[in-house]
Every structure is written in structure tokens, then in C-alpha cells.
Amino acid sequence: MIFTIATLRTSMVIRLCVTGDIDMSTAGQLGIAINDALGTGAGILLVDLAGTTFCDCAGITALLIGRRDATAHDVAFQVINPTGVTLTVLQISGLHSLLTTRTA
């Protein structure tokens, strides 16, 4: 599956809809998309992983850095809709509740 990130925006919410694998070759693109979203003035950033088929440690790192940077910008950050292998990776790593709980 080809890796893509679609950006949906309302006045206060940016939703990054990620499809494909998040791994060493694509985690940088996710990081850039998160960083770009943080500069828009939106108050909430949602990273929608419904279309994500795999997530390795590089993907987890990109999500954690995104969460940290969002908090620094006073932007609420939340990972939503992880499924399959991606959900399992988040659960096994102990990060599921951290990343799926919206920060303020």
C-alpha cells in the first residue's frame, strides 16, 4: 500500500489521515506533516491511523515527537482510530493510552 497523508481542516481542528505503512522510510513525512499542521493556528491536531497498515519504532517516535511538539505549541494532540498491527504495536509498547488521550 502506498503511504499517503491527507489533511482535513476546519477552523479549529486539523486531521491528518494516514494510510499505508509508517516505518523508517515514511516516518519523516509524518513528522513533517505534523510540524506543518502545528504552524496553522489550529487548536486540535488529530492523527487518524484508520488506514495505517503497519507502524514500527520510527513511526512511534514520529508520533511521540509530534505529541511533544504539539504540547509545546499549546495544541491538543490525539492519535485516533488505530487498528490491526498498528493498534497492537501501540498496546504492546504501552503507548496506546498516552497517544490516544487528547492533550491540552
C-alpha atoms as a PDB file:
ATOM      1  CA  MET A   1       0.000   0.000   0.000  1.00  0.00           C
ATOM      2  CA  ILE A   2       1.273   3.462  -0.886  1.00  0.00           C
ATOM      3  CA  PHE A   3       1.932   5.825   2.021  1.00  0.00           C
ATOM      4  CA  THR A   4      -0.198   8.983   1.968  1.00  0.00           C
ATOM      5  CA  ILE A   5      -1.254  11.711   4.339  1.00  0.00           C
ATOM      6  CA  ALA A   6      -4.455  13.610   3.594  1.00  0.00           C
ATOM      7  CA  THR A   7      -5.084  16.788   5.552  1.00  0.00           C
ATOM      8  CA  LEU A   8      -8.629  17.759   6.506  1.00  0.00           C
ATOM      9  CA  ARG A   9      -9.134  21.098   8.196  1.00  0.00           C
ATOM     10  CA  THR A  10     -11.849  23.017   9.952  1.00  0.00           C
ATOM     11  CA  SER A  11     -11.330  26.299  11.748  1.00  0.00           C
ATOM     12  CA  MET A  12     -10.027  24.660  14.938  1.00  0.00           C
ATOM     13  CA  VAL A  13      -9.169  21.060  14.002  1.00  0.00           C
ATOM     14  CA  ILE A  14      -6.625  19.544  11.654  1.00  0.00           C
ATOM     15  CA  ARG A  15      -6.988  15.844  10.915  1.00  0.00           C
ATOM     16  CA  LEU A  16      -4.100  14.009   9.294  1.00  0.00           C
ATOM     17  CA  CYS A  17      -5.449  10.839   7.673  1.00  0.00           C
ATOM     18  CA  VAL A  18      -2.518   8.456   7.299  1.00  0.00           C
ATOM     19  CA  THR A  19      -2.625   5.410   5.013  1.00  0.00           C
ATOM     20  CA  GLY A  20      -0.020   2.738   4.414  1.00  0.00           C
ATOM     21  CA  ASP A  21       2.995   1.770   6.499  1.00  0.00           C
ATOM     22  CA  ILE A  22       4.685   4.154   8.914  1.00  0.00           C
ATOM     23  CA  ASP A  23       8.286   2.975   9.008  1.00  0.00           C
ATOM     24  CA  MET A  24      11.842   4.271   8.570  1.00  0.00           C
ATOM     25  CA  SER A  25      11.131   5.367   5.023  1.00  0.00           C
ATOM     26  CA  THR A  26       7.909   7.269   5.790  1.00  0.00           C
ATOM     27  CA  ALA A  27       8.150   8.447   9.417  1.00  0.00           C
ATOM     28  CA  GLY A  28       9.940  11.606   8.307  1.00  0.00           C
ATOM     29  CA  GLN A  29       6.999  12.519   6.078  1.00  0.00           C
ATOM     30  CA  LEU A  30       4.642  12.074   9.024  1.00  0.00           C
ATOM     31  CA  GLY A  31       6.872  14.273  11.169  1.00  0.00           C
ATOM     32  CA  ILE A  32       6.872  16.998   8.527  1.00  0.00           C
ATOM     33  CA  ALA A  33       3.067  16.815   8.179  1.00  0.00           C
ATOM     34  CA  ILE A  34       2.644  17.097  11.952  1.00  0.00           C
ATOM     35  CA  ASN A  35       5.065  20.014  12.106  1.00  0.00           C
ATOM     36  CA  ASP A  36       3.292  21.778   9.234  1.00  0.00           C
ATOM     37  CA  ALA A  37      -0.077  21.262  10.940  1.00  0.00           C
ATOM     38  CA  LEU A  38       1.235  22.789  14.165  1.00  0.00           C
ATOM     39  CA  GLY A  39       2.039  26.009  12.331  1.00  0.00           C
ATOM     40  CA  THR A  40      -1.506  26.607  11.111  1.00  0.00           C
ATOM     41  CA  GLY A  41      -3.039  28.022  14.282  1.00  0.00           C
ATOM     42  CA  ALA A  42      -5.464  25.131  14.782  1.00  0.00           C
ATOM     43  CA  GLY A  43      -6.132  24.189  18.389  1.00  0.00           C
ATOM     44  CA  ILE A  44      -6.527  20.434  17.879  1.00  0.00           C
ATOM     45  CA  LEU A  45      -4.424  18.021  15.823  1.00  0.00           C
ATOM     46  CA  LEU A  46      -5.808  14.539  15.198  1.00  0.00           C
ATOM     47  CA  VAL A  47      -3.635  11.858  13.621  1.00  0.00           C
ATOM     48  CA  ASP A  48      -6.071   9.348  12.130  1.00  0.00           C
ATOM     49  CA  LEU A  49      -4.450   5.931  11.713  1.00  0.00           C
ATOM     50  CA  ALA A  50      -7.525   4.108  10.362  1.00  0.00           C
ATOM     51  CA  GLY A  51      -5.761   3.489   7.053  1.00  0.00           C
ATOM     52  CA  THR A  52      -2.390   2.612   8.537  1.00  0.00           C
ATOM     53  CA  THR A  53      -1.335  -0.980   7.975  1.00  0.00           C
ATOM     54  CA  PHE A  54       1.914  -1.025   9.980  1.00  0.00           C
ATOM     55  CA  CYS A  55       3.843   1.164  12.401  1.00  0.00           C
ATOM     56  CA  ASP A  56       7.398   0.493  13.556  1.00  0.00           C
ATOM     57  CA  CYS A  57       9.593   2.254  16.121  1.00  0.00           C
ATOM     58  CA  ALA A  58      10.335   5.102  13.685  1.00  0.00           C
ATOM     59  CA  GLY A  59       6.596   5.723  13.397  1.00  0.00           C
ATOM     60  CA  ILE A  60       6.150   5.587  17.155  1.00  0.00           C
ATOM     61  CA  THR A  61       8.992   8.084  17.522  1.00  0.00           C
ATOM     62  CA  ALA A  62       7.361  10.445  14.997  1.00  0.00           C
ATOM     63  CA  LEU A  63       4.091  10.283  16.937  1.00  0.00           C
ATOM     64  CA  LEU A  64       5.806  10.896  20.280  1.00  0.00           C
ATOM     65  CA  ILE A  65       7.767  13.844  18.914  1.00  0.00           C
ATOM     66  CA  GLY A  66       4.551  15.181  17.378  1.00  0.00           C
ATOM     67  CA  ARG A  67       2.789  14.921  20.731  1.00  0.00           C
ATOM     68  CA  ARG A  68       5.666  16.681  22.487  1.00  0.00           C
ATOM     69  CA  ASP A  69       5.786  19.465  19.903  1.00  0.00           C
ATOM     70  CA  ALA A  70       2.005  19.900  19.964  1.00  0.00           C
ATOM     71  CA  THR A  71       2.094  20.297  23.731  1.00  0.00           C
ATOM     72  CA  ALA A  72       4.845  22.904  23.357  1.00  0.00           C
ATOM     73  CA  HIS A  73       2.618  24.808  20.894  1.00  0.00           C
ATOM     74  CA  ASP A  74      -0.462  24.506  23.158  1.00  0.00           C
ATOM     75  CA  VAL A  75      -2.172  22.364  20.519  1.00  0.00           C
ATOM     76  CA  ALA A  76      -4.242  19.384  21.655  1.00  0.00           C
ATOM     77  CA  PHE A  77      -2.859  16.187  20.082  1.00  0.00           C
ATOM     78  CA  GLN A  78      -4.533  12.815  19.732  1.00  0.00           C
ATOM     79  CA  VAL A  79      -3.974   9.646  17.741  1.00  0.00           C
ATOM     80  CA  ILE A  80      -7.319   8.191  16.671  1.00  0.00           C
ATOM     81  CA  ASN A  81      -8.581   5.004  15.016  1.00  0.00           C
ATOM     82  CA  PRO A  82      -5.511   2.757  15.260  1.00  0.00           C
ATOM     83  CA  THR A  83      -6.400  -0.762  14.114  1.00  0.00           C
ATOM     84  CA  GLY A  84      -4.773  -4.098  13.383  1.00  0.00           C
ATOM     85  CA  VAL A  85      -0.996  -4.295  13.695  1.00  0.00           C
ATOM     86  CA  THR A  86      -0.746  -0.568  14.431  1.00  0.00           C
ATOM     87  CA  LEU A  87      -3.081  -0.913  17.408  1.00  0.00           C
ATOM     88  CA  THR A  88      -1.157  -3.954  18.633  1.00  0.00           C
ATOM     89  CA  VAL A  89       2.159  -2.084  18.427  1.00  0.00           C
ATOM     90  CA  LEU A  90       0.723   0.825  20.423  1.00  0.00           C
ATOM     91  CA  GLN A  91      -0.692  -1.540  23.039  1.00  0.00           C
ATOM     92  CA  ILE A  92       2.441  -3.682  23.395  1.00  0.00           C
ATOM     93  CA  SER A  93       4.658  -0.610  23.643  1.00  0.00           C
ATOM     94  CA  GLY A  94       2.424   0.776  26.401  1.00  0.00           C
ATOM     95  CA  LEU A  95       1.772   3.945  24.387  1.00  0.00           C
ATOM     96  CA  HIS A  96      -1.821   3.343  23.361  1.00  0.00           C
ATOM     97  CA  SER A  97      -3.386   5.252  26.249  1.00  0.00           C
ATOM     98  CA  LEU A  98      -0.766   8.019  26.089  1.00  0.00           C
ATOM     99  CA  LEU A  99      -1.179   8.725  22.370  1.00  0.00           C
ATOM    100  CA  THR A 100      -4.931   8.191  22.182  1.00  0.00           C
ATOM    101  CA  THR A 101      -5.675  10.568  25.067  1.00  0.00           C
ATOM    102  CA  ARG A 102      -6.051  14.142  23.909  1.00  0.00           C
ATOM    103  CA  THR A 103      -3.527  16.533  25.419  1.00  0.00           C
ATOM    104  CA  ALA A 104      -4.352  20.154  26.197  1.00  0.00           C
END
